[in-house]
Protein backbone atom coordinates (compact mmCIF):
# COMPACT_ATOMS: atom_id res chain seq x y z
CA UNK A 1 3.92 24.59 40.42
CA UNK A 2 6.86 26.71 39.27
CA UNK A 3 8.32 23.85 37.24
CA UNK A 4 4.89 23.08 35.75
CA UNK A 5 4.42 26.68 34.63
CA UNK A 6 7.91 26.72 33.14
CA UNK A 7 7.21 23.43 31.32
CA UNK A 8 3.93 24.76 29.92
CA UNK A 9 5.49 27.97 28.64
CA UNK A 10 8.57 26.24 27.19
CA UNK A 11 6.46 23.55 25.49
CA UNK A 12 4.12 26.16 23.98
CA UNK A 13 7.01 28.16 22.53
CA UNK A 14 8.71 24.99 21.29
CA UNK A 15 5.49 23.86 19.62
CA UNK A 16 5.02 27.23 17.97
CA UNK A 17 8.54 27.03 16.56
CA UNK A 18 8.69 23.35 15.57
CA UNK A 19 5.25 22.93 13.98
CA UNK A 20 5.98 25.02 10.84
CA UNK A 21 9.35 23.25 10.54
CA UNK A 22 7.65 19.84 10.60
CA UNK A 23 5.02 21.14 8.19
CA UNK A 24 7.67 22.15 5.66
CA UNK A 25 9.49 18.80 5.94
CA UNK A 26 6.24 16.84 5.55
CA UNK A 27 5.30 18.88 2.48
CA UNK A 28 8.66 18.25 0.84
CA UNK A 29 8.47 14.52 1.50
CA UNK A 30 4.89 14.21 0.27
CA UNK A 31 3.46 13.17 3.65
CA UNK A 32 0.08 14.70 2.83
CA UNK A 33 -3.52 13.95 3.66
CA UNK A 34 -5.24 13.89 0.25
CA UNK A 35 -8.40 15.95 -0.20
CA UNK A 36 -10.16 13.29 -2.37
CA UNK A 37 -11.94 11.26 0.30
CA UNK A 38 -15.49 10.51 1.36
CA UNK A 39 -14.70 11.25 5.00
CA UNK A 40 -12.30 14.17 4.77
CA UNK A 41 -13.62 17.60 4.02
CA UNK A 42 -10.49 19.74 3.74
CA UNK A 43 -10.19 21.37 0.34
CA UNK A 44 -6.53 20.63 -0.39
CA UNK A 45 -3.76 18.19 0.56
CA UNK A 46 -2.48 18.97 4.09
CA UNK A 47 0.73 17.75 5.81
CA UNK A 48 -0.10 15.14 8.44
CA UNK A 49 2.99 14.74 10.65
CA UNK A 50 2.18 17.48 13.17
CA UNK A 51 2.27 14.91 15.97
CA UNK A 52 6.06 14.93 15.74
CA UNK A 53 6.06 18.60 16.72
CA UNK A 54 3.76 17.84 19.69
CA UNK A 55 6.01 15.02 20.94
CA UNK A 56 9.19 17.07 20.63
CA UNK A 57 7.55 20.11 22.22
CA UNK A 58 6.73 17.95 25.26
CA UNK A 59 10.01 16.06 25.52
CA UNK A 60 12.41 19.00 25.11
CA UNK A 61 11.27 21.07 28.14
CA UNK A 62 10.83 17.93 30.27
CA UNK A 63 14.37 16.85 29.48
CA UNK A 64 15.67 20.31 30.39
CA UNK A 65 13.80 20.36 33.71
CA UNK A 66 14.85 16.79 34.50
CA UNK A 67 18.47 17.79 33.92
CA UNK A 68 18.28 21.02 35.91
CA UNK A 69 15.45 20.48 38.34
CA UNK A 70 16.04 20.00 42.00
CA UNK A 71 12.34 20.56 42.72
CA UNK A 72 10.77 17.63 40.91
CA UNK A 73 13.22 15.84 38.68
CA UNK A 74 10.72 13.18 37.48
CA UNK A 75 9.62 12.37 40.97
CA UNK A 76 7.58 9.28 40.22
CA UNK A 77 7.66 6.27 42.53
CA UNK A 78 10.89 5.15 40.91
CA UNK A 79 13.23 6.11 38.12
CA UNK A 80 12.19 2.99 36.25
CA UNK A 81 8.58 4.22 36.21
CA UNK A 82 9.63 7.53 34.68
CA UNK A 83 11.72 5.75 32.04
CA UNK A 84 8.86 3.36 31.34
CA UNK A 85 6.46 6.24 30.80
CA UNK A 86 8.90 7.95 28.44
CA UNK A 87 9.64 4.73 26.57
CA UNK A 88 5.94 3.89 26.27
CA UNK A 89 5.07 7.33 24.92
CA UNK A 90 7.91 7.26 22.39
CA UNK A 91 6.95 3.72 21.28
CA UNK A 92 3.38 4.83 20.63
CA UNK A 93 4.64 7.93 18.81
CA UNK A 94 6.96 5.78 16.67
CA UNK A 95 4.00 3.56 15.79
CA UNK A 96 2.08 6.66 14.75
CA UNK A 97 4.94 7.92 12.57
CA UNK A 98 5.12 4.57 10.80
CA UNK A 99 1.36 4.58 10.30
CA UNK A 100 1.40 8.12 8.90
CA UNK A 101 4.25 7.39 6.50
CA UNK A 102 3.75 3.78 5.47
CA UNK A 103 0.43 2.64 6.87
CA UNK A 104 0.12 0.07 9.67
CA UNK A 105 -2.44 -2.72 9.87
CA UNK A 106 -4.97 -2.78 12.69
CA UNK A 107 -3.35 -5.96 14.01
CA UNK A 108 0.13 -4.46 14.19
CA UNK A 109 -1.17 -1.29 15.87
CA UNK A 110 -3.09 -3.27 18.45
CA UNK A 111 -0.08 -5.52 19.11
CA UNK A 112 2.17 -2.57 19.92
CA UNK A 113 -0.53 -0.84 22.00
CA UNK A 114 -1.21 -3.98 24.05
CA UNK A 115 2.49 -4.57 24.65
CA UNK A 116 3.02 -0.99 25.81
CA UNK A 117 -0.09 -1.06 28.01
CA UNK A 118 1.00 -4.34 29.63
CA UNK A 119 4.40 -2.82 30.36
CA UNK A 120 2.79 0.22 31.95
CA UNK A 121 0.69 -2.03 34.17
CA UNK A 122 3.76 -3.92 35.32
CA UNK A 123 5.43 -0.65 36.33
CA UNK A 124 2.62 0.82 38.38
CA UNK A 125 0.23 2.45 35.89
CA UNK A 126 -2.69 0.12 36.36
CA UNK A 127 -6.14 -0.54 37.78
CA UNK A 128 -5.82 -2.90 40.75
CA UNK A 129 -9.04 -2.29 42.66
CA UNK A 130 -12.41 -0.57 42.50
CA UNK A 131 -13.59 1.43 45.49
CA UNK A 132 -17.20 1.05 46.70
CA UNK A 133 -19.31 2.99 49.20
CA UNK A 134 -20.23 -0.25 51.00
CA UNK A 135 -16.94 -1.21 52.58
CA UNK A 136 -13.58 -2.47 51.45
CA UNK A 137 -12.56 -1.91 47.80
CA UNK A 138 -12.93 -4.77 45.35
CA UNK A 139 -9.58 -6.29 44.44
CA UNK A 140 -9.41 -7.04 40.73
CA UNK A 141 -6.59 -9.55 40.96
CA UNK A 142 -5.75 -11.08 37.58
CA UNK A 143 -8.44 -8.93 35.96
CA UNK A 144 -6.37 -5.82 36.65
CA UNK A 145 -4.06 -6.47 33.68
CA UNK A 146 -6.73 -6.94 30.95
CA UNK A 147 -8.79 -4.02 32.27
CA UNK A 148 -5.74 -1.76 32.26
CA UNK A 149 -4.74 -2.88 28.76
CA UNK A 150 -8.30 -2.31 27.55
CA UNK A 151 -8.34 1.16 29.10
CA UNK A 152 -5.01 2.35 27.67
CA UNK A 153 -5.46 0.90 24.18
CA UNK A 154 -9.10 2.03 24.17
CA UNK A 155 -8.28 5.67 24.98
CA UNK A 156 -5.47 5.68 22.43
CA UNK A 157 -7.84 4.59 19.69
CA UNK A 158 -10.68 6.77 20.98
CA UNK A 159 -8.67 9.95 20.54
CA UNK A 160 -7.49 8.69 17.18
CA UNK A 161 -11.11 8.25 16.05
CA UNK A 162 -12.21 11.68 17.23
CA UNK A 163 -9.50 13.36 15.14
CA UNK A 164 -11.79 14.28 12.25
CA UNK A 165 -12.06 18.08 12.16
CA UNK A 166 -9.52 20.88 12.31
CA UNK A 167 -8.47 21.46 15.91
CA UNK A 168 -10.83 18.83 17.33
CA UNK A 169 -8.54 16.15 18.80
CA UNK A 170 -6.02 18.73 20.00
CA UNK A 171 -8.69 20.81 21.74
CA UNK A 172 -10.31 17.76 23.35
CA UNK A 173 -6.90 16.62 24.62
CA UNK A 174 -6.05 20.10 25.91
CA UNK A 175 -9.29 20.34 27.92
CA UNK A 176 -8.79 16.86 29.37
CA UNK A 177 -5.18 17.65 30.30
CA UNK A 178 -6.34 20.83 32.05
CA UNK A 179 -8.74 18.81 34.22
CA UNK A 180 -6.10 16.19 35.01
CA UNK A 181 -3.69 18.99 35.95
CA UNK A 182 -6.32 20.45 38.31
CA UNK A 183 -6.86 17.07 39.97
CA UNK A 184 -3.11 16.53 40.31
CA UNK A 185 -2.70 20.02 41.79
CA UNK A 186 -5.43 19.37 44.38
CA UNK A 187 -3.53 16.29 45.52
CA UNK A 188 -0.06 17.78 45.38
CA UNK A 189 1.08 15.38 42.66
CA UNK A 190 3.97 17.45 41.28
CA UNK A 191 5.18 14.92 38.64
CA UNK A 192 1.69 14.60 37.11
CA UNK A 193 1.36 18.40 37.12
CA UNK A 194 4.69 18.76 35.34
CA UNK A 195 3.87 16.15 32.73
CA UNK A 196 0.35 17.35 31.91
CA UNK A 197 1.53 20.98 31.77
CA UNK A 198 4.26 20.11 29.26
CA UNK A 199 1.94 18.08 27.04
CA UNK A 200 -0.78 20.75 27.20
CA UNK A 201 1.77 23.38 26.17
CA UNK A 202 2.91 21.29 23.22
CA UNK A 203 -0.71 20.84 22.12
CA UNK A 204 -1.44 24.55 22.45
CA UNK A 205 1.57 25.49 20.33
CA UNK A 206 0.42 23.04 17.66
CA UNK A 207 -3.21 24.23 17.75
CA UNK A 208 -2.21 27.66 16.44
CA UNK A 209 -1.60 25.92 13.09
CA UNK A 210 -4.37 23.34 13.37
CA UNK A 211 -7.48 25.48 13.81
CA UNK A 212 -9.74 25.75 10.77
CA UNK A 213 -8.47 26.08 8.12
CA UNK A 214 -5.65 23.82 9.29
CA UNK A 215 -2.26 24.04 7.63
CA UNK A 216 -1.09 20.80 9.29
CA UNK A 217 -2.72 17.73 10.90
CA UNK A 218 -1.38 15.87 13.92
CA UNK A 219 -1.90 12.49 12.21
CA UNK A 220 -1.83 9.20 14.07
CA UNK A 221 1.49 10.25 15.62
CA UNK A 222 -0.16 13.02 17.62
CA UNK A 223 -3.54 11.43 18.32
CA UNK A 224 -2.12 8.14 19.59
CA UNK A 225 0.58 9.83 21.65
CA UNK A 226 -1.98 12.14 23.28
CA UNK A 227 -4.31 9.20 23.87
CA UNK A 228 -1.50 7.35 25.65
CA UNK A 229 -0.70 10.38 27.83
CA UNK A 230 -4.36 10.93 28.74
CA UNK A 231 -4.94 7.26 29.55
CA UNK A 232 -1.90 6.88 31.81
CA UNK A 233 -2.06 10.24 33.59
CA UNK A 234 -5.80 9.87 34.22
CA UNK A 235 -5.08 6.51 35.85
CA UNK A 236 -2.24 7.95 37.93
CA UNK A 237 -4.19 10.84 39.44
CA UNK A 238 -7.28 8.73 40.18
CA UNK A 239 -5.95 5.32 41.19
CA UNK A 240 -5.20 6.43 44.76
CA UNK A 241 -8.63 7.94 45.30
CA UNK A 242 -10.92 6.43 47.92
CA UNK A 243 -13.99 7.77 46.16
CA UNK A 244 -16.61 5.22 45.17
CA UNK A 245 -16.54 6.64 41.67
CA UNK A 246 -12.76 6.90 41.31
CA UNK A 247 -12.78 4.69 38.21
CA UNK A 248 -15.60 6.72 36.68
CA UNK A 249 -13.75 10.03 36.88
CA UNK A 250 -11.49 9.42 33.84
CA UNK A 251 -14.40 7.78 31.99
CA UNK A 252 -16.56 10.88 32.44
CA UNK A 253 -13.63 13.16 31.65
CA UNK A 254 -13.02 11.41 28.31
CA UNK A 255 -16.72 10.81 27.70
CA UNK A 256 -16.86 12.25 24.16
CA UNK A 257 -14.07 10.15 22.55
CA UNK A 258 -15.14 7.06 24.52
CA UNK A 259 -18.78 7.45 23.44
CA UNK A 260 -17.70 8.03 19.84
CA UNK A 261 -15.64 4.82 19.93
CA UNK A 262 -18.44 2.70 21.43
CA UNK A 263 -20.91 4.06 18.88
CA UNK A 264 -18.46 3.30 16.06
CA UNK A 265 -18.05 -0.29 17.27
CA UNK A 266 -21.82 -0.79 17.47
CA UNK A 267 -22.40 0.86 14.09
CA UNK A 268 -19.76 -1.20 12.28
CA UNK A 269 -20.86 -4.44 13.91
CA UNK A 270 -24.43 -3.78 12.80
CA UNK A 271 -23.32 -2.99 9.24
CA UNK A 272 -20.96 -5.95 8.98
CA UNK A 273 -17.91 -3.73 8.63
CA UNK A 274 -14.52 -4.38 10.30
CA UNK A 275 -14.21 -2.65 13.66
CA UNK A 276 -11.24 -0.59 12.48
CA UNK A 277 -12.65 0.36 9.11
CA UNK A 278 -13.37 4.03 8.46
CA UNK A 279 -16.83 5.51 8.07
CA UNK A 280 -18.65 8.81 8.17
CA UNK A 281 -20.86 8.28 11.21
CA UNK A 282 -18.78 9.88 13.96
CA UNK A 283 -20.18 12.55 16.26
CA UNK A 284 -18.46 15.35 14.37
CA UNK A 285 -19.88 14.04 11.08
CA UNK A 286 -23.39 14.02 12.58
CA UNK A 287 -22.94 17.63 13.65
CA UNK A 288 -21.91 18.59 10.13
CA UNK A 289 -24.93 16.75 8.75
CA UNK A 290 -27.10 18.83 11.09
CA UNK A 291 -25.91 21.92 9.20
CA UNK A 292 -23.13 23.13 11.48
CA UNK A 293 -19.94 24.50 10.01
CA UNK A 294 -16.58 22.94 10.92
CA UNK A 295 -15.85 25.70 13.41
CA UNK A 296 -19.23 25.48 15.13
CA UNK A 297 -19.11 21.69 15.29
CA UNK A 298 -15.72 21.88 17.01
CA UNK A 299 -17.02 24.50 19.47
CA UNK A 300 -20.02 22.30 20.33
CA UNK A 301 -17.74 19.34 21.08
CA UNK A 302 -15.41 21.59 23.07
CA UNK A 303 -18.42 22.66 25.14
CA UNK A 304 -19.45 19.06 25.76
CA UNK A 305 -15.90 18.17 26.84
CA UNK A 306 -15.75 21.20 29.15
CA UNK A 307 -19.03 20.21 30.83
CA UNK A 308 -17.84 16.62 31.26
CA UNK A 309 -14.56 17.94 32.66
CA UNK A 310 -16.50 19.99 35.22
CA UNK A 311 -18.54 16.90 36.12
CA UNK A 312 -15.32 14.92 36.56
CA UNK A 313 -13.97 17.58 38.93
CA UNK A 314 -17.18 17.38 40.97
CA UNK A 315 -16.84 13.58 41.18
CA UNK A 316 -13.27 13.79 42.48
CA UNK A 317 -14.33 14.99 45.94
CA UNK A 318 -18.10 14.40 45.89
CA UNK A 319 -20.14 12.54 48.48
CA UNK A 320 -21.99 9.41 47.28
CA UNK A 321 -25.26 11.37 47.00
CA UNK A 322 -23.70 14.17 45.00
CA UNK A 323 -21.87 11.64 42.83
CA UNK A 324 -25.14 9.86 42.02
CA UNK A 325 -26.81 13.17 41.15
CA UNK A 326 -23.90 14.20 38.93
CA UNK A 327 -23.78 10.87 37.13
CA UNK A 328 -27.55 10.96 36.61
CA UNK A 329 -27.32 14.41 35.04
CA UNK A 330 -24.48 13.28 32.78
CA UNK A 331 -26.45 10.19 31.67
CA UNK A 332 -29.59 12.24 30.93
CA UNK A 333 -27.61 14.83 28.94
CA UNK A 334 -25.90 12.04 26.99
CA UNK A 335 -29.23 10.42 26.07
CA UNK A 336 -30.66 13.73 24.87
CA UNK A 337 -27.54 14.44 22.82
CA UNK A 338 -27.58 10.98 21.22
CA UNK A 339 -31.24 11.37 20.36
CA UNK A 340 -30.63 14.80 18.80
CA UNK A 341 -27.78 13.41 16.72
CA UNK A 342 -29.96 10.55 15.45
CA UNK A 343 -28.16 7.64 17.08
CA UNK A 344 -31.35 6.40 18.76
CA UNK A 345 -33.58 6.40 15.68
CA UNK A 346 -33.41 2.64 15.06
CA UNK A 347 -36.86 0.99 14.83
CA UNK A 348 -37.96 -2.65 14.75
CA UNK A 349 -39.32 -2.32 11.21
CA UNK A 350 -35.85 -1.25 10.06
CA UNK A 351 -34.25 -4.57 11.02
CA UNK A 352 -34.95 -6.46 7.72
CA UNK A 353 -33.40 -3.60 5.75
CA UNK A 354 -30.39 -3.50 8.07
CA UNK A 355 -29.89 -7.26 7.81
CA UNK A 356 -29.98 -7.06 4.00
CA UNK A 357 -27.60 -4.10 4.07
CA UNK A 358 -25.24 -6.00 6.34
CA UNK A 359 -25.22 -9.00 3.99
CA UNK A 360 -24.54 -6.77 0.97
CA UNK A 361 -21.76 -4.93 2.77
CA UNK A 362 -20.09 -8.18 3.84
CA UNK A 363 -20.20 -9.45 0.25
CA UNK A 364 -18.80 -6.21 -1.14
CA UNK A 365 -15.99 -6.07 1.39
CA UNK A 366 -15.09 -9.66 0.53
CA UNK A 367 -14.99 -8.63 -3.14
CA UNK A 368 -12.71 -5.67 -2.40
CA UNK A 369 -10.37 -7.89 -0.35
CA UNK A 370 -10.22 -10.39 -3.23
CA UNK A 371 -9.54 -7.67 -5.78
CA UNK A 372 -6.89 -6.20 -3.49
CA UNK A 373 -5.08 -9.53 -3.56
CA UNK A 374 -5.38 -9.61 -7.35
CA UNK A 375 -3.90 -6.13 -7.59
CA UNK A 376 -1.09 -7.14 -5.25
CA UNK A 377 -0.23 -9.98 -7.61
CA UNK A 378 -0.87 -8.12 -10.88
CA UNK A 379 1.89 -8.70 -13.42
CA UNK A 380 0.52 -6.63 -16.29
CA UNK A 381 -1.64 -3.63 -16.92
CA UNK A 382 -4.37 -5.95 -18.19
CA UNK A 383 -4.48 -7.66 -14.77
CA UNK A 384 -4.81 -4.28 -13.12
CA UNK A 385 -7.59 -3.12 -15.41
CA UNK A 386 -9.46 -6.40 -14.99
CA UNK A 387 -9.62 -5.81 -11.22
CA UNK A 388 -10.78 -2.21 -11.71
CA UNK A 389 -13.56 -3.31 -14.07
CA UNK A 390 -14.66 -6.06 -11.68
CA UNK A 391 -14.86 -3.54 -8.84
CA UNK A 392 -17.03 -1.25 -10.96
CA UNK A 393 -19.40 -4.10 -11.80
CA UNK A 394 -19.59 -5.22 -8.19
CA UNK A 395 -20.54 -1.71 -7.08
CA UNK A 396 -23.20 -1.28 -9.76
CA UNK A 397 -21.29 1.30 -11.82
CA UNK A 398 -21.81 1.50 -15.58
CA UNK A 399 -18.61 3.41 -16.39
CA UNK A 400 -15.11 3.54 -14.97
CA UNK A 401 -12.08 5.67 -15.85
CA UNK A 402 -8.49 5.66 -14.63
CA UNK A 403 -6.65 8.98 -14.92
CA UNK A 404 -2.84 8.96 -14.70
CA UNK A 405 -1.50 12.48 -15.00
CA UNK A 406 2.12 11.41 -14.59
CA UNK A 407 2.13 8.91 -17.46
CA UNK A 408 2.25 9.13 -21.22
CA UNK A 409 -0.63 10.34 -23.38
CA UNK A 410 -1.99 6.82 -23.97
CA UNK A 411 -2.48 6.37 -20.25
CA UNK A 412 -3.98 9.70 -19.33
CA UNK A 413 -7.54 8.36 -19.40
CA UNK A 414 -8.33 4.65 -19.55
CA UNK A 415 -12.09 4.25 -19.77
CA UNK A 416 -14.76 1.54 -19.85
CA UNK A 417 -18.43 2.13 -20.55
CA UNK A 418 -20.41 4.78 -22.37
CA UNK A 419 -19.22 8.06 -20.87
CA UNK A 420 -21.95 9.96 -22.72
CA UNK A 421 -24.83 8.19 -20.94
CA UNK A 422 -27.59 10.73 -20.14
CA UNK A 423 -28.02 11.52 -16.45
CA UNK A 424 -24.75 9.83 -15.52
CA UNK A 425 -23.62 10.53 -11.96
CA UNK A 426 -19.84 10.48 -11.65
CA UNK A 427 -17.57 10.36 -8.59
CA UNK A 428 -13.79 10.61 -8.47
CA UNK A 429 -11.43 8.99 -5.93
CA UNK A 430 -7.79 9.99 -5.58
CA UNK A 431 -5.04 7.36 -5.66
CA UNK A 432 -2.50 7.97 -2.84
CA UNK A 433 0.60 7.80 -5.03
CA UNK A 434 2.71 10.23 -2.99
CA UNK A 435 2.03 13.27 -5.20
CA UNK A 436 -1.24 15.22 -5.10
CA UNK A 437 -3.38 14.72 -8.20
CA UNK A 438 -1.01 12.20 -9.81
CA UNK A 439 -3.78 9.63 -10.40
CA UNK A 440 -7.43 9.03 -9.69
CA UNK A 441 -10.26 6.61 -10.33
CA UNK A 442 -13.63 7.85 -11.61
CA UNK A 443 -16.85 5.81 -11.70
CA UNK A 444 -20.28 6.62 -13.11
CA UNK A 445 -23.77 5.37 -12.24
CA UNK A 446 -26.97 5.69 -14.30
CA UNK A 447 -29.39 4.54 -11.58
CA UNK A 448 -30.62 8.04 -10.76
CA UNK A 449 -28.47 8.56 -7.68
CA UNK A 450 -27.15 11.99 -6.72
CA UNK A 451 -24.43 10.85 -4.30
CA UNK A 452 -22.23 7.86 -3.53
CA UNK A 453 -23.31 5.59 -0.71
CA UNK A 454 -20.83 6.08 2.20
CA UNK A 455 -20.08 2.36 2.34
CA UNK A 456 -19.36 2.27 -1.40
CA UNK A 457 -17.14 5.33 -1.09
CA UNK A 458 -15.11 3.76 1.69
CA UNK A 459 -14.71 0.51 -0.24
CA UNK A 460 -13.47 2.47 -3.24
CA UNK A 461 -10.99 4.32 -1.06
CA UNK A 462 -9.63 0.98 0.19
CA UNK A 463 -9.40 -0.27 -3.38
CA UNK A 464 -7.67 2.97 -4.42
CA UNK A 465 -4.86 2.30 -1.95
CA UNK A 466 -4.15 -1.14 -3.48
CA UNK A 467 -4.56 0.28 -6.99
CA UNK A 468 -2.02 3.03 -6.26
CA UNK A 469 0.51 0.45 -5.11
CA UNK A 470 -0.04 -1.65 -8.21
CA UNK A 471 0.16 1.38 -10.53
CA UNK A 472 3.45 2.47 -8.96
CA UNK A 473 4.85 -1.07 -9.00
CA UNK A 474 4.04 -1.51 -12.69
CA UNK A 475 5.82 1.74 -13.50
CA UNK A 476 2.77 3.49 -14.94
CA UNK A 477 3.75 6.82 -13.35
CA UNK A 478 7.46 6.80 -14.14
CA UNK A 479 7.68 6.43 -17.91
CA UNK A 480 8.87 2.83 -17.79
CA UNK A 481 8.56 0.39 -20.74
CA UNK A 482 5.49 -1.10 -19.10
CA UNK A 483 3.53 1.96 -20.15
CA UNK A 484 4.06 1.29 -23.83
CA UNK A 485 3.36 -2.43 -23.58
CA UNK A 486 0.26 -1.70 -21.48
CA UNK A 487 -1.11 0.90 -23.90
CA UNK A 488 -1.18 -1.65 -26.74
CA UNK A 489 -2.75 -4.34 -24.54
CA UNK A 490 -5.54 -2.08 -23.33
CA UNK A 491 -6.98 -1.26 -26.74
CA UNK A 492 -10.03 -3.61 -26.59
CA UNK A 493 -10.95 -2.47 -23.10
CA UNK A 494 -11.86 1.00 -24.35
CA UNK A 495 -14.72 -0.50 -26.32
CA UNK A 496 -16.15 -2.74 -23.61
CA UNK A 497 -18.96 -1.46 -21.38
CA UNK A 498 -19.19 -2.33 -17.72
CA UNK A 499 -22.40 -4.21 -17.08
CA UNK A 500 -23.79 -2.92 -13.78
CA UNK A 501 -24.67 -5.42 -11.07
CA UNK A 502 -28.38 -5.39 -10.35
């Protein structure tokens, strides 16, 4: 306990000191989360590498205690297990850093997560059996590996998905770590206590800068690292339990991020969207749509996590009857919450509309993928503008403009369509070019709408990423000769309207 308290205090202080340092470095290097997004509601670009501070705040005090400690040292079943845990956590953190700086594909992220999870299973962090109240536990055999991999990679991505409001993912992780620490303390598991205390301290130090209004985000570095820690430590403190609900304890504990992930998978499958595409249908978005402020939405989710944590603590030592009662109460509360948030509003008569929406979304995503390939292979500004115009037509827009603040005067506003159309609704999307406000894409609709459909907004954000790469590659933001050649070639395009798709 003494080492755990020391680790918590040292990690908190380290996090408080390192977070502003990381924030300054991220700002200088342009590692910012842009404010122009359909899903993000912060009012200005914010540094997004705060996860580095969390990782370092955990590792530094643990390394000091491991070097000095005669009480715990790492104390796991073997030194190899401790090294494996450290290597796995750092590998996941490195993946997050790469994703925050360069962007990683869903396939590459899953590949690394699966490899790390399989390694953890081979070194003792796994699900080998499920206890039952009817006799001997059920041996999983060869199913133990895929179930463990699914659990670890699932929790990693679940915490990553819940990271949508200031202080949300960090607070959820902190509450879960506190419960895991309590379970470890009740069982005398000193290594798990030490580890969870250090990680919780690092998160707490970071949260001082992450509460609304946040001055830094943890990014994928922090959310994936914390997801890995929660997944593996929850398995460790519960895998030796003889309780019939031992496997359900970590599931209940992490109920909010797990439920959010399952709902996202169902929602995207129904809409015909890729499972790892972004949208604005997460639990925290629904709370905002109900009229809650950012701060109140975060407090509501904190409360739900605290209640689930209390239920998990009850399940740890509960009798079968009390376990059934607790699980029943959790299930009833979950159903009421889902109904209140509108997740259970689907009706049979809505199916034809949903099928048509799914077909349209699939077609539009195929169009955006095709245009992304065209932008990747663009060799002139005319090629680039042709793809932009095609995207506008495919999304039913009647006007489109490209603003490049870092280029010459001829490129400051490239426009198609009649910008003076009465009742024109216009929406602007930032191009992630590494500098805030350096470029953006603006479209206009004359169909009477007052907002952009969330699916259209997300498709335009995906297109903006490819457009930013093409703009930078063609030298349109650096004063290269391509700017002058492009400005002459684009003359006719200023006079051509974009015919909206009907």
